[in-house]
Structures are given as C-alpha cells and as structure tokens.
C-alpha cells in the first residue's frame, strides 16, 4: 500500500505555469494606479487634425473681418489677416448698436443660467433621492416635453407674453426658459450616482433641515454637473436667435438679433458681418478661459467620484 504525503499532494494540485513558446514574443500591458497610456504618432496626428479643424472657423472669421468685401470674395480667398480689422469692428459696432445688444445678452444669458442651475438642481435632487407619490409619472412627463418641437409653442407663447405686457422686453425671453427638461434630467441622472443616501441620512441624524441638506450636502456633490450644465446653458442662451428675434424689437435686441441686422440688406458686406460675428464670439471665449479650468476639474472630480 502506497501513501502520498501531504506535501506531494499539495504540489500536485498547484497549477502548472505556462510555458512560453520560443517563437512568440508578446508583451502584455498591465496598467496600474497612476500609469498612463502613451499615444503613438497617429494619435498625435489625429489630435492635430481635429484641433486645426476646430480652430479654422474662428481663424477664418478673423481673416474675413480684417479685409474688405472685395478681397474676401476673391478667388482664391485670403489666408492671412489684413489691416482693416479695427475699422470693420468699429463699423459693425456702430451699425448694429452692439453695445446695448451685448448688455442685453449678458443679462438674458446670466439670468437663464442662474435660474436653470437653481431649479434644475432642486428638481433633479427631488427626482433622484426623494420619495413621493407620482414621481415616476412626473419624470416621464418632464422627459416627454423634450419630444415637442419648440416651434409649436411659439404662437401661444407670443400671445401669452403680449397679454402679460412683456412684448419687446427682456422678460419675454428670460421667463419661458428659466428651467428646462434637459437640465432636470441631467441633474437627476448625475445625483443618482454621485449622492449616496448615507450622506443624506447622516445629515438628518445630525438634525439638518431640508434646506441645510441642500446647501451643505446636495450642492457640493452636484457642483461638477452644475458647472457643465451652466456652461451649456449659457452658450445656448447666448447663441439663441429664433425666439429673441420674435419676442424683441429692433430697439431692444440681444446680440444675435442685432447681428441679424447686419445681414438684412440686399447685398450685405461680408467683412462687416464677420466682424460682428467675431465680436459675438469673444465673450464666449472669455467665459471659457475664465471658467474652463473649473469646468474640466469638475468633470474629472465627478468621474473619479463615480
């Protein structure tokens, strides 16, 4: 009778290490914490192409705004800036009264952005973490409003603003867009993952009221998504043309409505139009330069937290 020692039995159960074939030299990349992937030449080439494609429209606007119309319409068109940039900017500023238009656009975009962040964050928190009857049906109704074309509500909305007495005033542009279905859905989806129930319960145990929970718990957790939503809302409100064109008059326009006056003639001067477009783009670039780091940092913070 043969006996098997425990040592031999344990050794026999150990997995056999794989034997690498001599003709195969493959390296498996295992990324750990803190390691990064390095892009090759094709990656950098693709990034350069995408970057140039993104910057070219802004560069062409600058080139066209620095020449006269005859030079802009030449074939081939100019590729370098000219010497008429300042005069064209001044002409566009005076013809379209862009000073007042920029102030109006700042007021409209700022009010819409602040209201959207406030109301959408509160609504998103309620739909994400609060329990109440009809929550699912209400959220479905909010999402269903995204399928309705905005053009269908133009006539009744215009009549409503006229009955209130806001025709031609900035209130007619601000009030209908104080809160949006996309913002509610966006904040709700973010807070579902970024805000644990344990934080809310801990705040309730400490005796915090609902307002204090929103201020000290919800808003810090929602800050990354609020930065992104605020940037998207501001850009959309700044570039909106359709409804402000219908609701406002020529004496009290937003920037996009004022720019429409530059191209309203039978033969508009393309260099002046491009100069006005360049003026309307500069505030957006300034906002992104100031808040771009916070927005990107907020996105990364939200990604790490998720």
C-alpha atoms as a PDB file:
ATOM      1  CA  UNK A   1       0.000   0.000   0.000  1.00  0.00           C
ATOM      2  CA  UNK A   2       1.459   3.297  -1.109  1.00  0.00           C
ATOM      3  CA  UNK A   3       0.917   6.508   0.797  1.00  0.00           C
ATOM      4  CA  UNK A   4       1.054  10.016  -0.574  1.00  0.00           C
ATOM      5  CA  UNK A   5       2.485  12.699   1.588  1.00  0.00           C
ATOM      6  CA  UNK A   6       0.522  15.938   2.035  1.00  0.00           C
ATOM      7  CA  UNK A   7       3.421  17.846   0.571  1.00  0.00           C
ATOM      8  CA  UNK A   8       3.338  15.866  -2.645  1.00  0.00           C
ATOM      9  CA  UNK A   9      -0.426  16.172  -2.823  1.00  0.00           C
ATOM     10  CA  UNK A  10      -0.263  19.985  -2.451  1.00  0.00           C
ATOM     11  CA  UNK A  11       2.439  20.185  -5.060  1.00  0.00           C
ATOM     12  CA  UNK A  12       0.412  18.065  -7.457  1.00  0.00           C
ATOM     13  CA  UNK A  13      -2.575  20.414  -7.087  1.00  0.00           C
ATOM     14  CA  UNK A  14      -0.555  23.568  -7.884  1.00  0.00           C
ATOM     15  CA  UNK A  15      -1.283  24.982 -11.338  1.00  0.00           C
ATOM     16  CA  UNK A  16       1.327  24.285 -13.932  1.00  0.00           C
ATOM     17  CA  UNK A  17       2.969  27.528 -15.020  1.00  0.00           C
ATOM     18  CA  UNK A  18       2.507  28.265 -18.690  1.00  0.00           C
ATOM     19  CA  UNK A  19       5.463  27.643 -20.905  1.00  0.00           C
ATOM     20  CA  UNK A  20       6.187  30.435 -23.299  1.00  0.00           C
ATOM     21  CA  UNK A  21       6.899  29.301 -26.794  1.00  0.00           C
ATOM     22  CA  UNK A  22      10.271  30.430 -28.105  1.00  0.00           C
ATOM     23  CA  UNK A  23       8.806  31.870 -31.301  1.00  0.00           C
ATOM     24  CA  UNK A  24       6.367  34.237 -29.629  1.00  0.00           C
ATOM     25  CA  UNK A  25       7.497  37.499 -28.077  1.00  0.00           C
ATOM     26  CA  UNK A  26       4.349  39.246 -26.910  1.00  0.00           C
ATOM     27  CA  UNK A  27       4.262  41.913 -24.249  1.00  0.00           C
ATOM     28  CA  UNK A  28       1.073  42.371 -22.288  1.00  0.00           C
ATOM     29  CA  UNK A  29       0.473  45.851 -20.960  1.00  0.00           C
ATOM     30  CA  UNK A  30      -0.908  45.929 -17.440  1.00  0.00           C
ATOM     31  CA  UNK A  31      -1.859  49.376 -16.204  1.00  0.00           C
ATOM     32  CA  UNK A  32      -1.803  50.048 -12.521  1.00  0.00           C
ATOM     33  CA  UNK A  33      -2.710  53.063 -10.447  1.00  0.00           C
ATOM     34  CA  UNK A  34      -1.008  56.205 -11.681  1.00  0.00           C
ATOM     35  CA  UNK A  35       0.066  54.738 -15.027  1.00  0.00           C
ATOM     36  CA  UNK A  36      -0.988  56.316 -18.308  1.00  0.00           C
ATOM     37  CA  UNK A  37      -1.277  55.154 -21.861  1.00  0.00           C
ATOM     38  CA  UNK A  38       1.098  56.780 -24.312  1.00  0.00           C
ATOM     39  CA  UNK A  39      -0.194  57.708 -27.722  1.00  0.00           C
ATOM     40  CA  UNK A  40       1.668  56.971 -30.902  1.00  0.00           C
ATOM     41  CA  UNK A  41       2.301  59.197 -33.933  1.00  0.00           C
ATOM     42  CA  UNK A  42      -1.153  58.513 -35.386  1.00  0.00           C
ATOM     43  CA  UNK A  43      -2.772  59.676 -32.153  1.00  0.00           C
ATOM     44  CA  UNK A  44      -0.940  62.991 -32.214  1.00  0.00           C
ATOM     45  CA  UNK A  45      -1.666  63.400 -35.925  1.00  0.00           C
ATOM     46  CA  UNK A  46      -5.386  62.860 -35.317  1.00  0.00           C
ATOM     47  CA  UNK A  47      -5.353  65.366 -32.447  1.00  0.00           C
ATOM     48  CA  UNK A  48      -3.610  67.960 -34.610  1.00  0.00           C
ATOM     49  CA  UNK A  49      -6.127  67.483 -37.436  1.00  0.00           C
ATOM     50  CA  UNK A  50      -9.094  67.752 -35.071  1.00  0.00           C
ATOM     51  CA  UNK A  51      -7.587  70.806 -33.355  1.00  0.00           C
ATOM     52  CA  UNK A  52      -6.933  72.608 -36.642  1.00  0.00           C
ATOM     53  CA  UNK A  53     -10.412  71.762 -37.879  1.00  0.00           C
ATOM     54  CA  UNK A  54     -11.907  73.235 -34.705  1.00  0.00           C
ATOM     55  CA  UNK A  55      -9.854  76.433 -34.779  1.00  0.00           C
ATOM     56  CA  UNK A  56     -10.140  77.113 -38.532  1.00  0.00           C
ATOM     57  CA  UNK A  57     -13.689  78.619 -38.497  1.00  0.00           C
ATOM     58  CA  UNK A  58     -12.638  81.130 -35.840  1.00  0.00           C
ATOM     59  CA  UNK A  59      -9.446  81.903 -37.747  1.00  0.00           C
ATOM     60  CA  UNK A  60     -11.353  82.417 -40.994  1.00  0.00           C
ATOM     61  CA  UNK A  61     -13.743  84.778 -39.210  1.00  0.00           C
ATOM     62  CA  UNK A  62     -10.734  86.799 -38.071  1.00  0.00           C
ATOM     63  CA  UNK A  63      -9.246  86.825 -41.591  1.00  0.00           C
ATOM     64  CA  UNK A  64     -12.523  87.821 -43.260  1.00  0.00           C
ATOM     65  CA  UNK A  65     -13.122  90.550 -40.669  1.00  0.00           C
ATOM     66  CA  UNK A  66      -9.724  92.096 -41.396  1.00  0.00           C
ATOM     67  CA  UNK A  67     -10.277  92.593 -45.167  1.00  0.00           C
ATOM     68  CA  UNK A  68     -12.796  94.424 -47.307  1.00  0.00           C
ATOM     69  CA  UNK A  69     -15.630  92.609 -49.061  1.00  0.00           C
ATOM     70  CA  UNK A  70     -13.931  92.576 -52.467  1.00  0.00           C
ATOM     71  CA  UNK A  71     -10.874  90.831 -51.048  1.00  0.00           C
ATOM     72  CA  UNK A  72     -12.990  88.323 -49.131  1.00  0.00           C
ATOM     73  CA  UNK A  73     -14.861  87.354 -52.300  1.00  0.00           C
ATOM     74  CA  UNK A  74     -11.693  86.937 -54.360  1.00  0.00           C
ATOM     75  CA  UNK A  75     -10.636  83.537 -55.637  1.00  0.00           C
ATOM     76  CA  UNK A  76      -8.538  82.224 -54.028  1.00  0.00           C
ATOM     77  CA  UNK A  77      -9.602  83.902 -50.769  1.00  0.00           C
ATOM     78  CA  UNK A  78      -7.021  85.437 -48.429  1.00  0.00           C
ATOM     79  CA  UNK A  79      -5.433  83.181 -45.825  1.00  0.00           C
ATOM     80  CA  UNK A  80      -3.671  85.828 -43.732  1.00  0.00           C
ATOM     81  CA  UNK A  81      -5.220  88.677 -41.714  1.00  0.00           C
ATOM     82  CA  UNK A  82      -5.329  92.108 -43.285  1.00  0.00           C
ATOM     83  CA  UNK A  83      -5.193  95.625 -41.928  1.00  0.00           C
ATOM     84  CA  UNK A  84      -8.911  96.573 -41.775  1.00  0.00           C
ATOM     85  CA  UNK A  85      -9.823  94.658 -38.619  1.00  0.00           C
ATOM     86  CA  UNK A  86     -10.240  97.624 -36.291  1.00  0.00           C
ATOM     87  CA  UNK A  87     -12.208  99.714 -38.803  1.00  0.00           C
ATOM     88  CA  UNK A  88     -14.552  96.814 -39.599  1.00  0.00           C
ATOM     89  CA  UNK A  89     -15.121  96.132 -35.897  1.00  0.00           C
ATOM     90  CA  UNK A  90     -15.929  99.787 -35.327  1.00  0.00           C
ATOM     91  CA  UNK A  91     -18.326  99.851 -38.290  1.00  0.00           C
ATOM     92  CA  UNK A  92     -20.135  96.733 -37.110  1.00  0.00           C
ATOM     93  CA  UNK A  93     -20.342  98.138 -33.582  1.00  0.00           C
ATOM     94  CA  UNK A  94     -21.944 101.373 -34.787  1.00  0.00           C
ATOM     95  CA  UNK A  95     -24.281  99.936 -37.421  1.00  0.00           C
ATOM     96  CA  UNK A  96     -25.817  97.223 -35.199  1.00  0.00           C
ATOM     97  CA  UNK A  97     -25.600  99.124 -31.873  1.00  0.00           C
ATOM     98  CA  UNK A  98     -23.754  96.177 -30.363  1.00  0.00           C
ATOM     99  CA  UNK A  99     -23.074  97.879 -27.039  1.00  0.00           C
ATOM    100  CA  UNK A 100     -26.675  97.655 -25.861  1.00  0.00           C
ATOM    101  CA  UNK A 101     -27.090  94.263 -27.504  1.00  0.00           C
ATOM    102  CA  UNK A 102     -24.153  92.818 -25.562  1.00  0.00           C
ATOM    103  CA  UNK A 103     -25.549  94.149 -22.274  1.00  0.00           C
ATOM    104  CA  UNK A 104     -28.936  92.597 -23.068  1.00  0.00           C
ATOM    105  CA  UNK A 105     -27.336  89.265 -23.962  1.00  0.00           C
ATOM    106  CA  UNK A 106     -25.340  89.238 -20.733  1.00  0.00           C
ATOM    107  CA  UNK A 107     -28.500  89.904 -18.710  1.00  0.00           C
ATOM    108  CA  UNK A 108     -30.555  87.288 -20.543  1.00  0.00           C
ATOM    109  CA  UNK A 109     -27.865  84.588 -20.542  1.00  0.00           C
ATOM    110  CA  UNK A 110     -26.887  85.229 -16.925  1.00  0.00           C
ATOM    111  CA  UNK A 111     -30.462  85.112 -15.617  1.00  0.00           C
ATOM    112  CA  UNK A 112     -31.315  81.981 -17.603  1.00  0.00           C
ATOM    113  CA  UNK A 113     -28.139  80.206 -16.471  1.00  0.00           C
ATOM    114  CA  UNK A 114     -28.583  81.065 -12.789  1.00  0.00           C
ATOM    115  CA  UNK A 115     -32.256  80.072 -12.783  1.00  0.00           C
ATOM    116  CA  UNK A 116     -31.583  76.845 -14.667  1.00  0.00           C
ATOM    117  CA  UNK A 117     -28.877  75.783 -12.234  1.00  0.00           C
ATOM    118  CA  UNK A 118     -31.042  76.564  -9.205  1.00  0.00           C
ATOM    119  CA  UNK A 119     -34.313  74.994 -10.318  1.00  0.00           C
ATOM    120  CA  UNK A 120     -32.826  72.039 -12.195  1.00  0.00           C
ATOM    121  CA  UNK A 121     -30.595  71.089  -9.269  1.00  0.00           C
ATOM    122  CA  UNK A 122     -33.523  71.165  -6.837  1.00  0.00           C
ATOM    123  CA  UNK A 123     -35.756  69.217  -9.215  1.00  0.00           C
ATOM    124  CA  UNK A 124     -33.013  66.728 -10.008  1.00  0.00           C
ATOM    125  CA  UNK A 125     -32.398  66.124  -6.315  1.00  0.00           C
ATOM    126  CA  UNK A 126     -36.119  65.623  -5.691  1.00  0.00           C
ATOM    127  CA  UNK A 127     -36.480  63.117  -8.530  1.00  0.00           C
ATOM    128  CA  UNK A 128     -33.264  61.299  -7.624  1.00  0.00           C
ATOM    129  CA  UNK A 129     -33.405  60.951  -3.837  1.00  0.00           C
ATOM    130  CA  UNK A 130     -36.817  61.922  -2.511  1.00  0.00           C
ATOM    131  CA  UNK A 131     -39.745  59.508  -2.314  1.00  0.00           C
ATOM    132  CA  UNK A 132     -43.186  60.882  -3.208  1.00  0.00           C
ATOM    133  CA  UNK A 133     -46.269  59.657  -4.982  1.00  0.00           C
ATOM    134  CA  UNK A 134     -46.278  60.060  -8.748  1.00  0.00           C
ATOM    135  CA  UNK A 135     -42.531  60.576  -9.029  1.00  0.00           C
ATOM    136  CA  UNK A 136     -42.158  58.235 -11.998  1.00  0.00           C
ATOM    137  CA  UNK A 137     -45.119  59.724 -13.866  1.00  0.00           C
ATOM    138  CA  UNK A 138     -43.875  63.270 -13.341  1.00  0.00           C
ATOM    139  CA  UNK A 139     -40.386  62.363 -14.540  1.00  0.00           C
ATOM    140  CA  UNK A 140     -41.876  60.728 -17.622  1.00  0.00           C
ATOM    141  CA  UNK A 141     -43.874  63.874 -18.330  1.00  0.00           C
ATOM    142  CA  UNK A 142     -40.735  66.011 -17.992  1.00  0.00           C
ATOM    143  CA  UNK A 143     -38.813  63.809 -20.426  1.00  0.00           C
ATOM    144  CA  UNK A 144     -41.785  63.768 -22.826  1.00  0.00           C
ATOM    145  CA  UNK A 145     -41.543  67.559 -23.184  1.00  0.00           C
ATOM    146  CA  UNK A 146     -38.191  67.070 -24.913  1.00  0.00           C
ATOM    147  CA  UNK A 147     -40.001  65.493 -27.870  1.00  0.00           C
ATOM    148  CA  UNK A 148     -42.156  68.587 -28.504  1.00  0.00           C
ATOM    149  CA  UNK A 149     -40.644  70.896 -31.172  1.00  0.00           C
ATOM    150  CA  UNK A 150     -40.149  74.428 -29.815  1.00  0.00           C
ATOM    151  CA  UNK A 151     -41.786  75.879 -32.941  1.00  0.00           C
ATOM    152  CA  UNK A 152     -45.176  74.502 -31.848  1.00  0.00           C
ATOM    153  CA  UNK A 153     -45.235  76.705 -28.750  1.00  0.00           C
ATOM    154  CA  UNK A 154     -44.192  79.935 -30.449  1.00  0.00           C
ATOM    155  CA  UNK A 155     -47.687  81.274 -31.241  1.00  0.00           C
ATOM    156  CA  UNK A 156     -49.313  80.633 -27.825  1.00  0.00           C
ATOM    157  CA  UNK A 157     -46.163  81.795 -26.048  1.00  0.00           C
ATOM    158  CA  UNK A 158     -46.075  85.010 -28.070  1.00  0.00           C
ATOM    159  CA  UNK A 159     -49.751  85.663 -27.283  1.00  0.00           C
ATOM    160  CA  UNK A 160     -49.122  84.984 -23.589  1.00  0.00           C
ATOM    161  CA  UNK A 161     -46.212  87.425 -23.437  1.00  0.00           C
ATOM    162  CA  UNK A 162     -48.327  90.076 -25.216  1.00  0.00           C
ATOM    163  CA  UNK A 163     -51.214  89.612 -22.757  1.00  0.00           C
ATOM    164  CA  UNK A 164     -48.855  89.968 -19.794  1.00  0.00           C
ATOM    165  CA  UNK A 165     -47.405  93.141 -21.275  1.00  0.00           C
ATOM    166  CA  UNK A 166     -43.895  91.832 -21.854  1.00  0.00           C
ATOM    167  CA  UNK A 167     -43.875  92.253 -25.617  1.00  0.00           C
ATOM    168  CA  UNK A 168     -40.493  93.572 -26.737  1.00  0.00           C
ATOM    169  CA  UNK A 169     -38.995  93.277 -23.247  1.00  0.00           C
ATOM    170  CA  UNK A 170     -36.222  91.029 -21.991  1.00  0.00           C
ATOM    171  CA  UNK A 171     -38.625  89.330 -19.594  1.00  0.00           C
ATOM    172  CA  UNK A 172     -40.320  87.670 -22.563  1.00  0.00           C
ATOM    173  CA  UNK A 173     -37.044  85.907 -23.401  1.00  0.00           C
ATOM    174  CA  UNK A 174     -35.967  85.090 -19.831  1.00  0.00           C
ATOM    175  CA  UNK A 175     -39.197  83.825 -18.311  1.00  0.00           C
ATOM    176  CA  UNK A 176     -40.021  80.914 -20.708  1.00  0.00           C
ATOM    177  CA  UNK A 177     -36.545  79.390 -20.298  1.00  0.00           C
ATOM    178  CA  UNK A 178     -35.983  79.618 -16.543  1.00  0.00           C
ATOM    179  CA  UNK A 179     -35.949  75.819 -16.303  1.00  0.00           C
ATOM    180  CA  UNK A 180     -35.511  73.116 -18.925  1.00  0.00           C
ATOM    181  CA  UNK A 181     -36.365  69.437 -19.112  1.00  0.00           C
ATOM    182  CA  UNK A 182     -32.849  68.549 -20.214  1.00  0.00           C
ATOM    183  CA  UNK A 183     -31.350  70.210 -17.138  1.00  0.00           C
ATOM    184  CA  UNK A 184     -33.719  68.360 -14.799  1.00  0.00           C
ATOM    185  CA  UNK A 185     -32.943  65.019 -16.430  1.00  0.00           C
ATOM    186  CA  UNK A 186     -29.196  65.750 -16.479  1.00  0.00           C
ATOM    187  CA  UNK A 187     -29.026  66.643 -12.787  1.00  0.00           C
ATOM    188  CA  UNK A 188     -31.247  63.746 -11.799  1.00  0.00           C
ATOM    189  CA  UNK A 189     -29.042  61.215 -13.577  1.00  0.00           C
ATOM    190  CA  UNK A 190     -25.905  62.676 -12.027  1.00  0.00           C
ATOM    191  CA  UNK A 191     -27.229  62.807  -8.465  1.00  0.00           C
ATOM    192  CA  UNK A 192     -28.438  59.210  -8.640  1.00  0.00           C
ATOM    193  CA  UNK A 193     -24.796  58.045  -8.594  1.00  0.00           C
ATOM    194  CA  UNK A 194     -22.876  60.955  -7.082  1.00  0.00           C
ATOM    195  CA  UNK A 195     -25.008  61.492  -3.963  1.00  0.00           C
ATOM    196  CA  UNK A 196     -25.236  58.460  -1.629  1.00  0.00           C
ATOM    197  CA  UNK A 197     -28.254  58.036   0.603  1.00  0.00           C
ATOM    198  CA  UNK A 198     -25.889  57.641   3.559  1.00  0.00           C
ATOM    199  CA  UNK A 199     -24.884  61.310   3.370  1.00  0.00           C
ATOM    200  CA  UNK A 200     -28.496  62.438   3.440  1.00  0.00           C
ATOM    201  CA  UNK A 201     -29.358  60.117   6.328  1.00  0.00           C
ATOM    202  CA  UNK A 202     -26.308  61.267   8.281  1.00  0.00           C
ATOM    203  CA  UNK A 203     -27.343  64.889   7.814  1.00  0.00           C
ATOM    204  CA  UNK A 204     -30.860  64.084   9.037  1.00  0.00           C
ATOM    205  CA  UNK A 205     -29.456  62.327  12.098  1.00  0.00           C
ATOM    206  CA  UNK A 206     -27.434  65.451  12.887  1.00  0.00           C
ATOM    207  CA  UNK A 207     -30.675  67.453  12.830  1.00  0.00           C
ATOM    208  CA  UNK A 208     -30.211  69.221   9.486  1.00  0.00           C
ATOM    209  CA  UNK A 209     -33.309  70.612   7.792  1.00  0.00           C
ATOM    210  CA  UNK A 210     -34.070  70.061   4.106  1.00  0.00           C
ATOM    211  CA  UNK A 211     -32.704  73.485   3.202  1.00  0.00           C
ATOM    212  CA  UNK A 212     -29.464  72.816   5.079  1.00  0.00           C
ATOM    213  CA  UNK A 213     -29.158  69.387   3.436  1.00  0.00           C
ATOM    214  CA  UNK A 214     -29.480  71.002   0.017  1.00  0.00           C
ATOM    215  CA  UNK A 215     -26.940  73.712   0.843  1.00  0.00           C
ATOM    216  CA  UNK A 216     -24.311  71.592   2.638  1.00  0.00           C
ATOM    217  CA  UNK A 217     -24.747  68.174   1.007  1.00  0.00           C
ATOM    218  CA  UNK A 218     -26.517  68.362  -2.351  1.00  0.00           C
ATOM    219  CA  UNK A 219     -24.860  71.445  -3.842  1.00  0.00           C
ATOM    220  CA  UNK A 220     -21.246  70.341  -3.101  1.00  0.00           C
ATOM    221  CA  UNK A 221     -21.983  66.918  -4.578  1.00  0.00           C
ATOM    222  CA  UNK A 222     -23.701  68.415  -7.629  1.00  0.00           C
ATOM    223  CA  UNK A 223     -21.040  71.068  -8.309  1.00  0.00           C
ATOM    224  CA  UNK A 224     -19.299  69.210 -11.188  1.00  0.00           C
ATOM    225  CA  UNK A 225     -22.562  68.644 -13.051  1.00  0.00           C
ATOM    226  CA  UNK A 226     -23.678  72.214 -12.323  1.00  0.00           C
ATOM    227  CA  UNK A 227     -20.532  73.612 -13.939  1.00  0.00           C
ATOM    228  CA  UNK A 228     -21.128  71.600 -17.103  1.00  0.00           C
ATOM    229  CA  UNK A 229     -24.838  72.418 -17.225  1.00  0.00           C
ATOM    230  CA  UNK A 230     -24.134  76.084 -16.600  1.00  0.00           C
ATOM    231  CA  UNK A 231     -21.673  76.268 -19.476  1.00  0.00           C
ATOM    232  CA  UNK A 232     -24.056  74.518 -21.870  1.00  0.00           C
ATOM    233  CA  UNK A 233     -26.974  76.709 -20.807  1.00  0.00           C
ATOM    234  CA  UNK A 234     -25.009  79.935 -21.122  1.00  0.00           C
ATOM    235  CA  UNK A 235     -23.774  79.088 -24.615  1.00  0.00           C
ATOM    236  CA  UNK A 236     -27.256  78.081 -25.754  1.00  0.00           C
ATOM    237  CA  UNK A 237     -28.856  81.239 -24.349  1.00  0.00           C
ATOM    238  CA  UNK A 238     -26.118  83.432 -25.806  1.00  0.00           C
ATOM    239  CA  UNK A 239     -26.480  81.957 -29.311  1.00  0.00           C
ATOM    240  CA  UNK A 240     -30.286  81.788 -29.310  1.00  0.00           C
ATOM    241  CA  UNK A 241     -31.766  83.706 -32.217  1.00  0.00           C
ATOM    242  CA  UNK A 242     -35.222  82.357 -33.099  1.00  0.00           C
ATOM    243  CA  UNK A 243     -37.284  83.279 -30.041  1.00  0.00           C
ATOM    244  CA  UNK A 244     -35.492  86.584 -29.226  1.00  0.00           C
ATOM    245  CA  UNK A 245     -35.994  87.616 -32.860  1.00  0.00           C
ATOM    246  CA  UNK A 246     -39.755  87.136 -32.469  1.00  0.00           C
ATOM    247  CA  UNK A 247     -40.146  88.432 -28.925  1.00  0.00           C
ATOM    248  CA  UNK A 248     -37.905  91.522 -29.032  1.00  0.00           C
ATOM    249  CA  UNK A 249     -37.955  94.603 -31.239  1.00  0.00           C
ATOM    250  CA  UNK A 250     -35.172  96.382 -33.048  1.00  0.00           C
ATOM    251  CA  UNK A 251     -34.744  98.943 -30.248  1.00  0.00           C
ATOM    252  CA  UNK A 252     -34.084  96.342 -27.551  1.00  0.00           C
ATOM    253  CA  UNK A 253     -32.299  93.390 -29.199  1.00  0.00           C
ATOM    254  CA  UNK A 254     -29.969  90.713 -27.959  1.00  0.00           C
ATOM    255  CA  UNK A 255     -26.619  90.279 -29.659  1.00  0.00           C
ATOM    256  CA  UNK A 256     -27.740  87.635 -32.140  1.00  0.00           C
ATOM    257  CA  UNK A 257     -30.763  89.713 -33.165  1.00  0.00           C
ATOM    258  CA  UNK A 258     -28.540  92.758 -33.628  1.00  0.00           C
ATOM    259  CA  UNK A 259     -26.158  90.750 -35.800  1.00  0.00           C
ATOM    260  CA  UNK A 260     -29.090  89.782 -37.978  1.00  0.00           C
ATOM    261  CA  UNK A 261     -29.485  93.447 -38.867  1.00  0.00           C
ATOM    262  CA  UNK A 262     -26.011  93.470 -40.424  1.00  0.00           C
ATOM    263  CA  UNK A 263     -27.013  90.834 -42.981  1.00  0.00           C
ATOM    264  CA  UNK A 264     -30.579  92.085 -43.532  1.00  0.00           C
ATOM    265  CA  UNK A 265     -29.724  94.263 -46.513  1.00  0.00           C
ATOM    266  CA  UNK A 266     -29.930  93.064 -50.115  1.00  0.00           C
ATOM    267  CA  UNK A 267     -26.143  92.982 -50.535  1.00  0.00           C
ATOM    268  CA  UNK A 268     -24.621  92.705 -47.064  1.00  0.00           C
ATOM    269  CA  UNK A 269     -20.948  93.454 -46.540  1.00  0.00           C
ATOM    270  CA  UNK A 270     -19.485  90.086 -45.583  1.00  0.00           C
ATOM    271  CA  UNK A 271     -16.459  91.609 -43.885  1.00  0.00           C
ATOM    272  CA  UNK A 272     -18.708  93.688 -41.587  1.00  0.00           C
ATOM    273  CA  UNK A 273     -20.866  90.635 -40.860  1.00  0.00           C
ATOM    274  CA  UNK A 274     -17.767  88.626 -39.960  1.00  0.00           C
ATOM    275  CA  UNK A 275     -16.562  91.450 -37.741  1.00  0.00           C
ATOM    276  CA  UNK A 276     -19.855  91.358 -35.856  1.00  0.00           C
ATOM    277  CA  UNK A 277     -19.652  87.574 -35.569  1.00  0.00           C
ATOM    278  CA  UNK A 278     -16.150  87.935 -34.144  1.00  0.00           C
ATOM    279  CA  UNK A 279     -17.418  90.381 -31.524  1.00  0.00           C
ATOM    280  CA  UNK A 280     -20.179  87.945 -30.510  1.00  0.00           C
ATOM    281  CA  UNK A 281     -17.671  85.094 -30.162  1.00  0.00           C
ATOM    282  CA  UNK A 282     -15.174  86.891 -27.936  1.00  0.00           C
ATOM    283  CA  UNK A 283     -17.371  86.901 -24.774  1.00  0.00           C
ATOM    284  CA  UNK A 284     -17.867  83.135 -25.053  1.00  0.00           C
ATOM    285  CA  UNK A 285     -14.124  82.619 -25.365  1.00  0.00           C
ATOM    286  CA  UNK A 286     -13.575  84.850 -22.349  1.00  0.00           C
ATOM    287  CA  UNK A 287     -16.074  82.852 -20.274  1.00  0.00           C
ATOM    288  CA  UNK A 288     -14.427  79.588 -21.222  1.00  0.00           C
ATOM    289  CA  UNK A 289     -10.947  80.925 -20.449  1.00  0.00           C
ATOM    290  CA  UNK A 290     -12.089  82.083 -17.003  1.00  0.00           C
ATOM    291  CA  UNK A 291     -14.184  79.056 -16.051  1.00  0.00           C
ATOM    292  CA  UNK A 292     -12.664  76.379 -18.275  1.00  0.00           C
ATOM    293  CA  UNK A 293     -10.364  75.003 -15.589  1.00  0.00           C
ATOM    294  CA  UNK A 294     -13.220  74.739 -13.093  1.00  0.00           C
ATOM    295  CA  UNK A 295     -15.426  73.004 -15.653  1.00  0.00           C
ATOM    296  CA  UNK A 296     -12.784  70.456 -16.625  1.00  0.00           C
ATOM    297  CA  UNK A 297     -11.837  69.957 -12.970  1.00  0.00           C
ATOM    298  CA  UNK A 298     -15.484  69.428 -12.115  1.00  0.00           C
ATOM    299  CA  UNK A 299     -15.864  66.819 -14.833  1.00  0.00           C
ATOM    300  CA  UNK A 300     -12.790  64.941 -13.601  1.00  0.00           C
ATOM    301  CA  UNK A 301     -13.954  65.157  -9.990  1.00  0.00           C
ATOM    302  CA  UNK A 302     -17.319  63.744 -10.970  1.00  0.00           C
ATOM    303  CA  UNK A 303     -15.654  60.942 -12.926  1.00  0.00           C
ATOM    304  CA  UNK A 304     -13.410  59.980 -10.005  1.00  0.00           C
ATOM    305  CA  UNK A 305     -16.343  60.121  -7.569  1.00  0.00           C
ATOM    306  CA  UNK A 306     -18.426  57.916  -9.851  1.00  0.00           C
END
